[in-house]
């Protein structure tokens, strides 16, 4: 089953992106390219934080963004989990509250992710009391707690300790029927986790 189809263009200031992309359920696609070419902007389009200028985005066979028909599905109605650069955890919430923030997150799924990512001892801490690697594990758990159909990862392993990298990679490798887009500069990570790769060059994404 095709989880994501995007054929379109968008403009952010002087940056123009042209994308022709299809990702199947259960497929992990690594997106490579230098800084500033539009990798993060692509994730913002898919998540609903940035609209298309032309073309169409389909998520699980549903139109999510199509300027010609004035269709735009807001982020909270897209079954998309996102781990952004910087994590963007809620500083006033505990680890367990961050992970269970989505209305679609069940207590059982939250508990499962806390166990899988070795966060039990940190459950009642605030993000400020966590290391960088621990906070990244929380961000991954929060994105997965709502059981998204599509997962967006923006440099998920940058500058992480080995334990956090291994735990995150293990959880990501165990996902079933989740279409994952992995933005990374780490070729080893891409080779380990991805089924296929796509590269941005001059604003054009080629798979």
N, C-alpha and C. Protein backbone atom coordinates (compact mmCIF):
# COMPACT_ATOMS: atom_id res chain seq x y z
N UNK A 1 0.84 -1.20 0.00
CA UNK A 1 0.00 0.00 0.00
C UNK A 1 0.87 1.25 0.00
N UNK A 2 0.51 2.21 -0.84
CA UNK A 2 1.25 3.46 -0.89
C UNK A 2 0.80 4.36 0.25
N UNK A 3 1.75 4.77 1.09
CA UNK A 3 1.43 5.61 2.24
C UNK A 3 1.53 7.08 1.92
N UNK A 4 2.43 7.43 1.00
CA UNK A 4 2.68 8.85 0.71
C UNK A 4 3.00 9.03 -0.77
N UNK A 5 2.31 9.96 -1.39
CA UNK A 5 2.61 10.36 -2.76
C UNK A 5 2.65 11.88 -2.81
N UNK A 6 3.75 12.42 -3.29
CA UNK A 6 3.91 13.87 -3.39
C UNK A 6 4.51 14.21 -4.74
N UNK A 7 3.76 14.94 -5.52
CA UNK A 7 4.25 15.47 -6.79
C UNK A 7 3.89 16.95 -6.79
N UNK A 8 4.88 17.79 -6.60
CA UNK A 8 4.55 19.20 -6.53
C UNK A 8 5.75 20.08 -6.27
N UNK A 9 5.46 21.36 -6.11
CA UNK A 9 6.50 22.36 -5.87
C UNK A 9 6.06 23.27 -4.73
N UNK A 10 7.04 23.82 -4.05
CA UNK A 10 6.77 24.84 -3.05
C UNK A 10 7.93 25.82 -3.04
N UNK A 11 7.65 27.01 -2.58
CA UNK A 11 8.67 28.06 -2.54
C UNK A 11 8.76 28.62 -1.13
N UNK A 12 9.99 28.76 -0.63
CA UNK A 12 10.24 29.38 0.67
C UNK A 12 11.29 30.45 0.44
N UNK A 13 10.85 31.69 0.34
CA UNK A 13 11.79 32.75 0.01
C UNK A 13 12.36 32.53 -1.38
N UNK A 14 13.69 32.42 -1.46
CA UNK A 14 14.33 32.18 -2.76
C UNK A 14 14.50 30.69 -3.05
N UNK A 15 14.14 29.84 -2.09
CA UNK A 15 14.30 28.39 -2.27
C UNK A 15 13.08 27.81 -2.97
N UNK A 16 13.32 27.09 -4.05
CA UNK A 16 12.25 26.41 -4.77
C UNK A 16 12.50 24.90 -4.72
N UNK A 17 11.49 24.15 -4.32
CA UNK A 17 11.59 22.69 -4.23
C UNK A 17 10.69 22.06 -5.27
N UNK A 18 11.20 21.03 -5.92
CA UNK A 18 10.40 20.24 -6.87
C UNK A 18 10.54 18.77 -6.46
N UNK A 19 9.41 18.14 -6.18
CA UNK A 19 9.44 16.79 -5.61
C UNK A 19 8.51 15.87 -6.38
N UNK A 20 8.99 14.67 -6.68
CA UNK A 20 8.19 13.59 -7.25
C UNK A 20 8.55 12.35 -6.45
N UNK A 21 7.67 11.99 -5.51
CA UNK A 21 8.05 11.03 -4.48
C UNK A 21 6.89 10.11 -4.15
N UNK A 22 7.21 8.83 -3.96
CA UNK A 22 6.23 7.85 -3.51
C UNK A 22 6.90 6.94 -2.49
N UNK A 23 6.24 6.73 -1.35
CA UNK A 23 6.79 5.89 -0.29
C UNK A 23 5.72 4.89 0.12
N UNK A 24 6.11 3.63 0.18
CA UNK A 24 5.17 2.57 0.53
C UNK A 24 5.08 2.39 2.04
N UNK A 25 3.96 1.83 2.50
CA UNK A 25 3.83 1.47 3.90
C UNK A 25 4.92 0.47 4.27
N UNK A 26 5.60 0.70 5.37
CA UNK A 26 6.68 -0.18 5.80
C UNK A 26 8.03 0.16 5.22
N UNK A 27 8.08 1.12 4.29
CA UNK A 27 9.35 1.50 3.66
C UNK A 27 10.02 2.63 4.44
N UNK A 28 11.34 2.56 4.56
CA UNK A 28 12.12 3.66 5.12
C UNK A 28 12.95 4.28 4.01
N UNK A 29 12.74 5.56 3.78
CA UNK A 29 13.45 6.30 2.75
C UNK A 29 14.40 7.29 3.41
N UNK A 30 15.68 7.18 3.11
CA UNK A 30 16.67 8.14 3.60
C UNK A 30 16.79 9.29 2.60
N UNK A 31 16.75 10.50 3.10
CA UNK A 31 16.86 11.69 2.26
C UNK A 31 18.20 12.36 2.54
N UNK A 32 19.03 12.42 1.52
CA UNK A 32 20.38 12.93 1.65
C UNK A 32 20.53 14.25 0.90
N UNK A 33 21.58 14.98 1.24
CA UNK A 33 21.86 16.24 0.56
C UNK A 33 22.49 17.22 1.52
N UNK A 34 23.20 18.22 1.00
CA UNK A 34 23.87 19.20 1.85
C UNK A 34 22.87 20.10 2.57
N UNK A 35 23.36 20.88 3.52
CA UNK A 35 22.51 21.82 4.25
C UNK A 35 21.93 22.87 3.30
N UNK A 36 20.68 23.25 3.58
CA UNK A 36 20.08 24.35 2.86
C UNK A 36 19.42 24.02 1.54
N UNK A 37 19.30 22.72 1.22
CA UNK A 37 18.71 22.36 -0.08
C UNK A 37 17.21 22.06 0.02
N UNK A 38 16.66 21.99 1.24
CA UNK A 38 15.22 21.80 1.36
C UNK A 38 14.76 20.53 2.04
N UNK A 39 15.67 19.79 2.67
CA UNK A 39 15.28 18.52 3.29
C UNK A 39 14.26 18.74 4.41
N UNK A 40 14.56 19.67 5.31
CA UNK A 40 13.63 19.95 6.40
C UNK A 40 12.33 20.55 5.88
N UNK A 41 12.42 21.39 4.85
CA UNK A 41 11.21 21.98 4.26
C UNK A 41 10.29 20.91 3.69
N UNK A 42 10.87 19.85 3.12
CA UNK A 42 10.06 18.74 2.63
C UNK A 42 9.27 18.10 3.77
N UNK A 43 9.90 17.89 4.91
CA UNK A 43 9.20 17.31 6.06
C UNK A 43 8.09 18.24 6.54
N UNK A 44 8.34 19.54 6.48
CA UNK A 44 7.32 20.51 6.88
C UNK A 44 6.10 20.47 5.95
N UNK A 45 6.34 20.25 4.67
CA UNK A 45 5.22 20.11 3.72
C UNK A 45 4.39 18.88 4.07
N UNK A 46 5.06 17.77 4.32
CA UNK A 46 4.35 16.52 4.61
C UNK A 46 3.58 16.61 5.93
N UNK A 47 4.17 17.26 6.92
CA UNK A 47 3.52 17.36 8.23
C UNK A 47 2.38 18.37 8.26
N UNK A 48 2.33 19.26 7.25
CA UNK A 48 1.27 20.25 7.21
C UNK A 48 1.66 21.61 7.75
N UNK A 49 2.94 21.82 7.98
CA UNK A 49 3.42 23.11 8.47
C UNK A 49 3.80 24.06 7.35
N UNK A 50 3.84 23.56 6.13
CA UNK A 50 4.20 24.37 4.96
C UNK A 50 3.35 23.90 3.78
N UNK A 51 2.61 24.80 3.13
CA UNK A 51 1.73 24.38 2.04
C UNK A 51 2.48 24.25 0.72
N UNK A 52 1.93 23.42 -0.15
CA UNK A 52 2.43 23.33 -1.51
C UNK A 52 2.03 24.58 -2.30
N UNK A 53 2.85 24.93 -3.28
CA UNK A 53 2.51 25.99 -4.22
C UNK A 53 1.73 25.41 -5.40
N UNK A 54 2.20 24.28 -5.91
CA UNK A 54 1.50 23.56 -6.97
C UNK A 54 1.61 22.06 -6.69
N UNK A 55 0.75 21.28 -7.34
CA UNK A 55 0.84 19.82 -7.22
C UNK A 55 -0.13 19.26 -6.20
N UNK A 56 0.22 18.09 -5.65
CA UNK A 56 -0.67 17.43 -4.70
C UNK A 56 0.11 16.50 -3.79
N UNK A 57 -0.37 16.38 -2.56
CA UNK A 57 0.17 15.46 -1.57
C UNK A 57 -0.95 14.53 -1.13
N UNK A 58 -0.70 13.22 -1.25
CA UNK A 58 -1.64 12.21 -0.79
C UNK A 58 -1.01 11.44 0.37
N UNK A 59 -1.76 11.31 1.46
CA UNK A 59 -1.33 10.52 2.60
C UNK A 59 -2.33 9.39 2.79
N UNK A 60 -1.87 8.16 2.63
CA UNK A 60 -2.75 6.99 2.76
C UNK A 60 -3.99 7.14 1.87
N UNK A 61 -3.74 7.52 0.61
CA UNK A 61 -4.78 7.65 -0.42
C UNK A 61 -5.77 8.78 -0.17
N UNK A 62 -5.48 9.65 0.77
CA UNK A 62 -6.33 10.81 1.04
C UNK A 62 -5.59 12.08 0.63
N UNK A 63 -6.29 12.98 -0.05
CA UNK A 63 -5.68 14.25 -0.44
C UNK A 63 -5.43 15.08 0.82
N UNK A 64 -4.16 15.42 1.06
CA UNK A 64 -3.80 16.23 2.22
C UNK A 64 -3.50 17.67 1.84
N UNK A 65 -3.05 17.88 0.62
CA UNK A 65 -2.70 19.24 0.17
C UNK A 65 -2.80 19.28 -1.35
N UNK A 66 -3.68 20.12 -1.85
CA UNK A 66 -3.85 20.27 -3.30
C UNK A 66 -4.36 21.69 -3.57
N UNK A 67 -3.45 22.59 -3.95
CA UNK A 67 -3.85 23.99 -4.13
C UNK A 67 -4.98 24.19 -5.14
N UNK A 68 -5.02 23.41 -6.22
CA UNK A 68 -6.03 23.64 -7.25
C UNK A 68 -7.45 23.40 -6.74
N UNK A 69 -7.60 22.47 -5.79
CA UNK A 69 -8.92 22.20 -5.22
C UNK A 69 -9.10 22.87 -3.86
N UNK A 70 -8.11 23.67 -3.47
CA UNK A 70 -8.12 24.36 -2.18
C UNK A 70 -8.30 23.39 -1.01
N UNK A 71 -7.68 22.23 -1.16
CA UNK A 71 -7.70 21.22 -0.10
C UNK A 71 -6.43 21.32 0.72
N UNK A 72 -6.58 21.42 2.03
CA UNK A 72 -5.42 21.44 2.92
C UNK A 72 -5.82 20.83 4.25
N UNK A 73 -5.28 19.66 4.53
CA UNK A 73 -5.56 18.96 5.78
C UNK A 73 -4.63 19.48 6.86
N UNK A 74 -5.15 20.00 7.98
CA UNK A 74 -4.27 20.54 9.02
C UNK A 74 -3.44 19.45 9.68
N UNK A 75 -2.33 19.83 10.31
CA UNK A 75 -1.41 18.84 10.87
C UNK A 75 -2.07 17.83 11.81
N UNK A 76 -2.99 18.27 12.65
CA UNK A 76 -3.56 17.35 13.65
C UNK A 76 -4.47 16.29 13.03
N UNK A 77 -4.83 16.46 11.75
CA UNK A 77 -5.66 15.47 11.08
C UNK A 77 -4.85 14.55 10.17
N UNK A 78 -3.54 14.74 10.14
CA UNK A 78 -2.66 13.86 9.36
C UNK A 78 -2.04 12.84 10.32
N UNK A 79 -2.03 11.60 9.93
CA UNK A 79 -1.45 10.56 10.78
C UNK A 79 0.07 10.54 10.60
N UNK A 80 0.69 11.62 11.07
CA UNK A 80 2.12 11.84 10.87
C UNK A 80 2.78 12.09 12.22
N UNK A 81 3.87 11.37 12.49
CA UNK A 81 4.71 11.64 13.65
C UNK A 81 5.99 12.31 13.18
N UNK A 82 6.46 13.28 13.93
CA UNK A 82 7.62 14.06 13.50
C UNK A 82 8.60 14.23 14.65
N UNK A 83 9.87 13.94 14.37
CA UNK A 83 10.95 14.22 15.32
C UNK A 83 11.80 15.32 14.69
N UNK A 84 11.57 16.58 15.07
CA UNK A 84 12.31 17.68 14.44
C UNK A 84 13.69 17.84 15.03
N UNK A 85 14.54 18.57 14.33
CA UNK A 85 15.80 18.98 14.92
C UNK A 85 15.48 19.87 16.11
N UNK A 86 16.21 19.70 17.21
CA UNK A 86 15.92 20.49 18.40
C UNK A 86 14.88 19.86 19.30
N UNK A 87 14.22 18.81 18.84
CA UNK A 87 13.30 17.97 19.62
C UNK A 87 11.98 18.66 19.95
N UNK A 88 12.02 19.92 20.42
CA UNK A 88 10.82 20.69 20.74
C UNK A 88 9.94 19.98 21.76
N UNK A 89 10.56 19.46 22.81
CA UNK A 89 9.80 18.88 23.92
C UNK A 89 9.15 20.00 24.72
N UNK A 90 8.06 19.67 25.40
CA UNK A 90 7.38 20.65 26.23
C UNK A 90 8.10 20.75 27.57
N UNK A 91 8.72 21.89 27.88
CA UNK A 91 9.58 21.98 29.07
C UNK A 91 8.83 21.86 30.38
N UNK A 92 7.53 22.19 30.39
CA UNK A 92 6.77 22.17 31.64
C UNK A 92 6.15 20.80 31.92
N UNK A 93 6.29 19.86 30.98
CA UNK A 93 5.74 18.52 31.17
C UNK A 93 6.84 17.53 31.50
N UNK A 94 6.49 16.48 32.22
CA UNK A 94 7.44 15.42 32.51
C UNK A 94 7.67 14.57 31.26
N UNK A 95 8.64 13.68 31.36
CA UNK A 95 8.93 12.78 30.24
C UNK A 95 7.69 11.98 29.86
N UNK A 96 7.03 11.38 30.83
CA UNK A 96 5.86 10.55 30.51
C UNK A 96 4.72 11.41 29.96
N UNK A 97 4.59 12.64 30.44
CA UNK A 97 3.54 13.53 29.92
C UNK A 97 3.85 13.96 28.49
N UNK A 98 5.12 14.20 28.19
CA UNK A 98 5.51 14.52 26.82
C UNK A 98 5.17 13.38 25.89
N UNK A 99 5.54 12.16 26.28
CA UNK A 99 5.32 11.00 25.41
C UNK A 99 3.84 10.77 25.18
N UNK A 100 3.03 10.97 26.20
CA UNK A 100 1.60 10.72 26.10
C UNK A 100 0.78 11.93 25.71
N UNK A 101 1.41 12.95 25.14
CA UNK A 101 0.72 14.21 24.88
C UNK A 101 -0.39 14.07 23.84
N UNK A 102 -0.19 13.28 22.82
CA UNK A 102 -1.20 13.15 21.77
C UNK A 102 -2.46 12.48 22.30
N UNK A 103 -3.64 12.98 21.90
CA UNK A 103 -4.89 12.32 22.30
C UNK A 103 -4.98 10.87 21.82
N UNK A 104 -4.20 10.53 20.80
CA UNK A 104 -4.23 9.16 20.26
C UNK A 104 -3.27 8.22 20.99
N UNK A 105 -2.48 8.75 21.90
CA UNK A 105 -1.52 7.92 22.63
C UNK A 105 -2.23 7.19 23.76
N UNK A 106 -2.10 5.87 23.79
CA UNK A 106 -2.72 5.08 24.86
C UNK A 106 -1.70 4.82 25.97
N UNK A 107 -2.16 4.64 27.21
CA UNK A 107 -1.23 4.33 28.30
C UNK A 107 -0.38 3.10 28.01
N UNK A 108 -0.96 2.09 27.37
CA UNK A 108 -0.21 0.88 27.07
C UNK A 108 0.92 1.16 26.09
N UNK A 109 0.64 1.96 25.06
CA UNK A 109 1.68 2.29 24.07
C UNK A 109 2.76 3.16 24.70
N UNK A 110 2.38 4.10 25.54
CA UNK A 110 3.36 4.95 26.24
C UNK A 110 4.28 4.08 27.09
N UNK A 111 3.70 3.16 27.85
CA UNK A 111 4.50 2.28 28.70
C UNK A 111 5.44 1.41 27.87
N UNK A 112 4.96 0.93 26.74
CA UNK A 112 5.78 0.10 25.86
C UNK A 112 6.99 0.87 25.34
N UNK A 113 6.80 2.11 24.94
CA UNK A 113 7.89 2.92 24.41
C UNK A 113 8.87 3.34 25.50
N UNK A 114 8.36 3.63 26.68
CA UNK A 114 9.25 3.96 27.80
C UNK A 114 10.17 2.79 28.10
N UNK A 115 9.63 1.58 28.05
CA UNK A 115 10.45 0.39 28.28
C UNK A 115 11.44 0.18 27.14
N UNK A 116 10.98 0.29 25.91
CA UNK A 116 11.84 0.02 24.75
C UNK A 116 12.99 1.00 24.64
N UNK A 117 12.78 2.24 25.08
CA UNK A 117 13.81 3.27 24.96
C UNK A 117 14.51 3.56 26.29
N UNK A 118 14.33 2.66 27.26
CA UNK A 118 15.02 2.75 28.56
C UNK A 118 14.82 4.12 29.22
N UNK A 119 13.56 4.51 29.35
CA UNK A 119 13.23 5.81 29.93
C UNK A 119 12.52 5.69 31.28
N UNK A 120 12.42 4.49 31.82
CA UNK A 120 11.65 4.29 33.04
C UNK A 120 12.15 5.15 34.20
N UNK A 121 13.47 5.23 34.35
CA UNK A 121 14.04 6.00 35.47
C UNK A 121 13.88 7.51 35.28
N UNK A 122 13.51 7.92 34.08
CA UNK A 122 13.40 9.35 33.78
C UNK A 122 11.95 9.81 33.66
N UNK A 123 11.01 8.92 33.88
CA UNK A 123 9.61 9.19 33.53
C UNK A 123 9.05 10.45 34.18
N UNK A 124 9.46 10.75 35.41
CA UNK A 124 8.91 11.91 36.12
C UNK A 124 9.81 13.13 36.05
N UNK A 125 10.88 13.05 35.29
CA UNK A 125 11.76 14.21 35.12
C UNK A 125 11.21 15.16 34.06
N UNK A 126 11.63 16.41 34.15
CA UNK A 126 11.36 17.38 33.09
C UNK A 126 12.48 17.29 32.05
N UNK A 127 12.24 17.70 30.82
CA UNK A 127 13.27 17.61 29.77
C UNK A 127 14.59 18.27 30.13
N UNK A 128 14.55 19.35 30.90
CA UNK A 128 15.78 20.05 31.26
C UNK A 128 16.71 19.19 32.10
N UNK A 129 16.16 18.16 32.75
CA UNK A 129 16.96 17.27 33.59
C UNK A 129 17.47 16.06 32.82
N UNK A 130 17.22 16.02 31.51
CA UNK A 130 17.65 14.90 30.68
C UNK A 130 18.87 15.30 29.86
N UNK A 131 19.72 14.32 29.55
CA UNK A 131 20.83 14.57 28.64
C UNK A 131 20.29 14.70 27.22
N UNK A 132 21.17 15.10 26.29
CA UNK A 132 20.74 15.23 24.91
C UNK A 132 20.24 13.93 24.33
N UNK A 133 20.94 12.84 24.61
CA UNK A 133 20.52 11.55 24.10
C UNK A 133 19.21 11.09 24.71
N UNK A 134 19.04 11.33 26.01
CA UNK A 134 17.79 10.97 26.67
C UNK A 134 16.62 11.77 26.12
N UNK A 135 16.84 13.07 25.90
CA UNK A 135 15.78 13.92 25.36
C UNK A 135 15.38 13.48 23.95
N UNK A 136 16.37 13.03 23.17
CA UNK A 136 16.06 12.56 21.82
C UNK A 136 15.23 11.28 21.87
N UNK A 137 15.52 10.42 22.82
CA UNK A 137 14.71 9.22 22.99
C UNK A 137 13.26 9.58 23.34
N UNK A 138 13.10 10.60 24.18
CA UNK A 138 11.75 11.07 24.53
C UNK A 138 11.04 11.59 23.28
N UNK A 139 11.75 12.34 22.45
CA UNK A 139 11.15 12.89 21.23
C UNK A 139 10.70 11.79 20.28
N UNK A 140 11.52 10.75 20.15
CA UNK A 140 11.16 9.62 19.29
C UNK A 140 9.94 8.90 19.87
N UNK A 141 9.94 8.69 21.18
CA UNK A 141 8.80 8.02 21.82
C UNK A 141 7.52 8.83 21.64
N UNK A 142 7.61 10.14 21.79
CA UNK A 142 6.42 10.99 21.62
C UNK A 142 5.86 10.87 20.20
N UNK A 143 6.75 10.87 19.21
CA UNK A 143 6.31 10.77 17.82
C UNK A 143 5.63 9.44 17.53
N UNK A 144 6.08 8.38 18.20
CA UNK A 144 5.54 7.04 17.94
C UNK A 144 4.34 6.69 18.80
N UNK A 145 4.11 7.43 19.88
CA UNK A 145 3.08 7.05 20.84
C UNK A 145 1.68 7.06 20.24
N UNK A 146 1.47 7.90 19.24
CA UNK A 146 0.14 7.98 18.62
C UNK A 146 -0.01 6.99 17.46
N UNK A 147 0.97 6.10 17.30
CA UNK A 147 0.96 5.10 16.22
C UNK A 147 0.69 5.73 14.85
N UNK A 148 1.59 6.63 14.42
CA UNK A 148 1.39 7.29 13.12
C UNK A 148 1.57 6.32 11.96
N UNK A 149 0.95 6.64 10.85
CA UNK A 149 1.14 5.85 9.63
C UNK A 149 2.40 6.29 8.90
N UNK A 150 2.81 7.54 9.15
CA UNK A 150 4.00 8.12 8.52
C UNK A 150 4.86 8.75 9.60
N UNK A 151 6.17 8.49 9.56
CA UNK A 151 7.10 9.01 10.55
C UNK A 151 8.17 9.83 9.85
N UNK A 152 8.38 11.06 10.34
CA UNK A 152 9.37 11.97 9.78
C UNK A 152 10.49 12.18 10.80
N UNK A 153 11.71 11.91 10.39
CA UNK A 153 12.87 12.01 11.29
C UNK A 153 13.88 12.98 10.70
N UNK A 154 14.17 14.05 11.42
CA UNK A 154 15.11 15.07 10.94
C UNK A 154 16.40 14.97 11.75
N UNK A 155 17.38 14.31 11.17
CA UNK A 155 18.69 14.10 11.81
C UNK A 155 18.53 13.50 13.21
N UNK A 156 17.90 12.34 13.33
CA UNK A 156 17.57 11.82 14.66
C UNK A 156 18.75 11.37 15.50
N UNK A 157 19.91 11.11 14.88
CA UNK A 157 21.04 10.57 15.63
C UNK A 157 22.23 11.52 15.72
N UNK A 158 22.04 12.77 15.35
CA UNK A 158 23.15 13.72 15.36
C UNK A 158 23.66 13.95 16.78
N UNK A 159 24.96 13.75 16.97
CA UNK A 159 25.65 14.03 18.24
C UNK A 159 25.06 13.26 19.42
N UNK A 160 24.56 12.05 19.19
CA UNK A 160 24.01 11.25 20.27
C UNK A 160 25.04 10.28 20.82
N UNK A 161 24.87 9.91 22.09
CA UNK A 161 25.70 8.87 22.68
C UNK A 161 25.35 7.53 22.04
N UNK A 162 26.27 6.59 22.15
CA UNK A 162 26.11 5.29 21.50
C UNK A 162 24.87 4.56 21.99
N UNK A 163 24.61 4.60 23.31
CA UNK A 163 23.44 3.90 23.86
C UNK A 163 22.14 4.43 23.24
N UNK A 164 22.02 5.75 23.16
CA UNK A 164 20.80 6.33 22.60
C UNK A 164 20.65 5.99 21.13
N UNK A 165 21.75 6.05 20.38
CA UNK A 165 21.70 5.68 18.97
C UNK A 165 21.21 4.25 18.80
N UNK A 166 21.77 3.33 19.58
CA UNK A 166 21.40 1.93 19.44
C UNK A 166 19.94 1.69 19.82
N UNK A 167 19.48 2.33 20.89
CA UNK A 167 18.09 2.16 21.31
C UNK A 167 17.12 2.71 20.26
N UNK A 168 17.43 3.89 19.74
CA UNK A 168 16.57 4.50 18.72
C UNK A 168 16.56 3.66 17.45
N UNK A 169 17.74 3.22 17.02
CA UNK A 169 17.81 2.40 15.81
C UNK A 169 17.04 1.10 15.98
N UNK A 170 17.12 0.49 17.17
CA UNK A 170 16.40 -0.76 17.41
C UNK A 170 14.89 -0.55 17.31
N UNK A 171 14.39 0.52 17.92
CA UNK A 171 12.95 0.79 17.87
C UNK A 171 12.50 1.08 16.44
N UNK A 172 13.28 1.88 15.72
CA UNK A 172 12.91 2.21 14.34
C UNK A 172 12.92 0.98 13.44
N UNK A 173 13.88 0.09 13.68
CA UNK A 173 13.97 -1.13 12.86
C UNK A 173 12.80 -2.07 13.09
N UNK A 174 12.14 -1.94 14.24
CA UNK A 174 11.05 -2.85 14.59
C UNK A 174 9.68 -2.35 14.12
N UNK A 175 9.63 -1.16 13.52
CA UNK A 175 8.34 -0.62 13.09
C UNK A 175 7.76 -1.45 11.95
N UNK A 176 6.45 -1.59 11.95
CA UNK A 176 5.77 -2.38 10.93
C UNK A 176 4.69 -1.54 10.25
N UNK A 177 4.73 -1.49 8.94
CA UNK A 177 3.73 -0.78 8.14
C UNK A 177 3.72 0.73 8.38
N UNK A 178 4.83 1.26 8.85
CA UNK A 178 4.99 2.71 9.00
C UNK A 178 5.93 3.20 7.91
N UNK A 179 5.48 4.15 7.11
CA UNK A 179 6.34 4.77 6.10
C UNK A 179 7.21 5.81 6.80
N UNK A 180 8.53 5.68 6.66
CA UNK A 180 9.45 6.56 7.38
C UNK A 180 10.33 7.33 6.41
N UNK A 181 10.41 8.65 6.63
CA UNK A 181 11.34 9.50 5.89
C UNK A 181 12.42 9.94 6.86
N UNK A 182 13.65 9.59 6.55
CA UNK A 182 14.78 9.83 7.43
C UNK A 182 15.73 10.82 6.77
N UNK A 183 15.78 12.04 7.29
CA UNK A 183 16.75 13.03 6.83
C UNK A 183 18.04 12.81 7.63
N UNK A 184 19.14 12.60 6.92
CA UNK A 184 20.39 12.31 7.62
C UNK A 184 21.58 12.69 6.76
N UNK A 185 22.70 13.01 7.45
CA UNK A 185 23.99 13.16 6.78
C UNK A 185 24.85 11.92 7.01
N UNK A 186 24.33 10.99 7.82
CA UNK A 186 25.08 9.82 8.25
C UNK A 186 24.82 8.66 7.28
N UNK A 187 25.79 8.37 6.43
CA UNK A 187 25.60 7.30 5.45
C UNK A 187 25.47 5.94 6.12
N UNK A 188 26.19 5.73 7.22
CA UNK A 188 26.06 4.46 7.95
C UNK A 188 24.63 4.29 8.46
N UNK A 189 24.06 5.36 8.99
CA UNK A 189 22.68 5.30 9.48
C UNK A 189 21.71 5.03 8.33
N UNK A 190 21.93 5.70 7.20
CA UNK A 190 21.07 5.48 6.03
C UNK A 190 21.15 4.03 5.56
N UNK A 191 22.37 3.50 5.50
CA UNK A 191 22.54 2.12 5.04
C UNK A 191 21.93 1.12 6.02
N UNK A 192 21.96 1.45 7.29
CA UNK A 192 21.46 0.53 8.31
C UNK A 192 19.93 0.52 8.36
N UNK A 193 19.31 1.69 8.23
CA UNK A 193 17.88 1.80 8.47
C UNK A 193 17.02 1.87 7.21
N UNK A 194 17.60 2.36 6.11
CA UNK A 194 16.77 2.69 4.95
C UNK A 194 16.67 1.55 3.95
N UNK A 195 15.51 1.46 3.32
CA UNK A 195 15.31 0.54 2.20
C UNK A 195 15.71 1.18 0.88
N UNK A 196 15.65 2.50 0.82
CA UNK A 196 15.99 3.24 -0.39
C UNK A 196 16.44 4.64 0.00
N UNK A 197 17.04 5.35 -0.95
CA UNK A 197 17.53 6.70 -0.68
C UNK A 197 17.06 7.66 -1.77
N UNK A 198 17.01 8.93 -1.41
CA UNK A 198 16.71 10.00 -2.35
C UNK A 198 17.65 11.15 -2.03
N UNK A 199 18.01 11.91 -3.05
CA UNK A 199 18.99 12.98 -2.88
C UNK A 199 18.44 14.29 -3.42
N UNK A 200 18.62 15.35 -2.62
CA UNK A 200 18.28 16.70 -3.07
C UNK A 200 19.46 17.30 -3.79
N UNK A 201 19.22 17.88 -4.95
CA UNK A 201 20.25 18.61 -5.70
C UNK A 201 19.59 19.76 -6.43
N UNK A 202 20.04 20.97 -6.14
CA UNK A 202 19.48 22.17 -6.78
C UNK A 202 17.97 22.26 -6.62
N UNK A 203 17.48 21.86 -5.44
CA UNK A 203 16.05 21.97 -5.15
C UNK A 203 15.20 20.87 -5.71
N UNK A 204 15.81 19.88 -6.36
CA UNK A 204 15.06 18.77 -6.96
C UNK A 204 15.38 17.48 -6.21
N UNK A 205 14.35 16.76 -5.80
CA UNK A 205 14.54 15.50 -5.10
C UNK A 205 14.43 14.35 -6.08
N UNK A 206 15.49 13.52 -6.12
CA UNK A 206 15.52 12.36 -7.01
C UNK A 206 15.66 11.10 -6.18
N UNK A 207 14.77 10.15 -6.40
CA UNK A 207 14.80 8.90 -5.65
C UNK A 207 15.55 7.85 -6.42
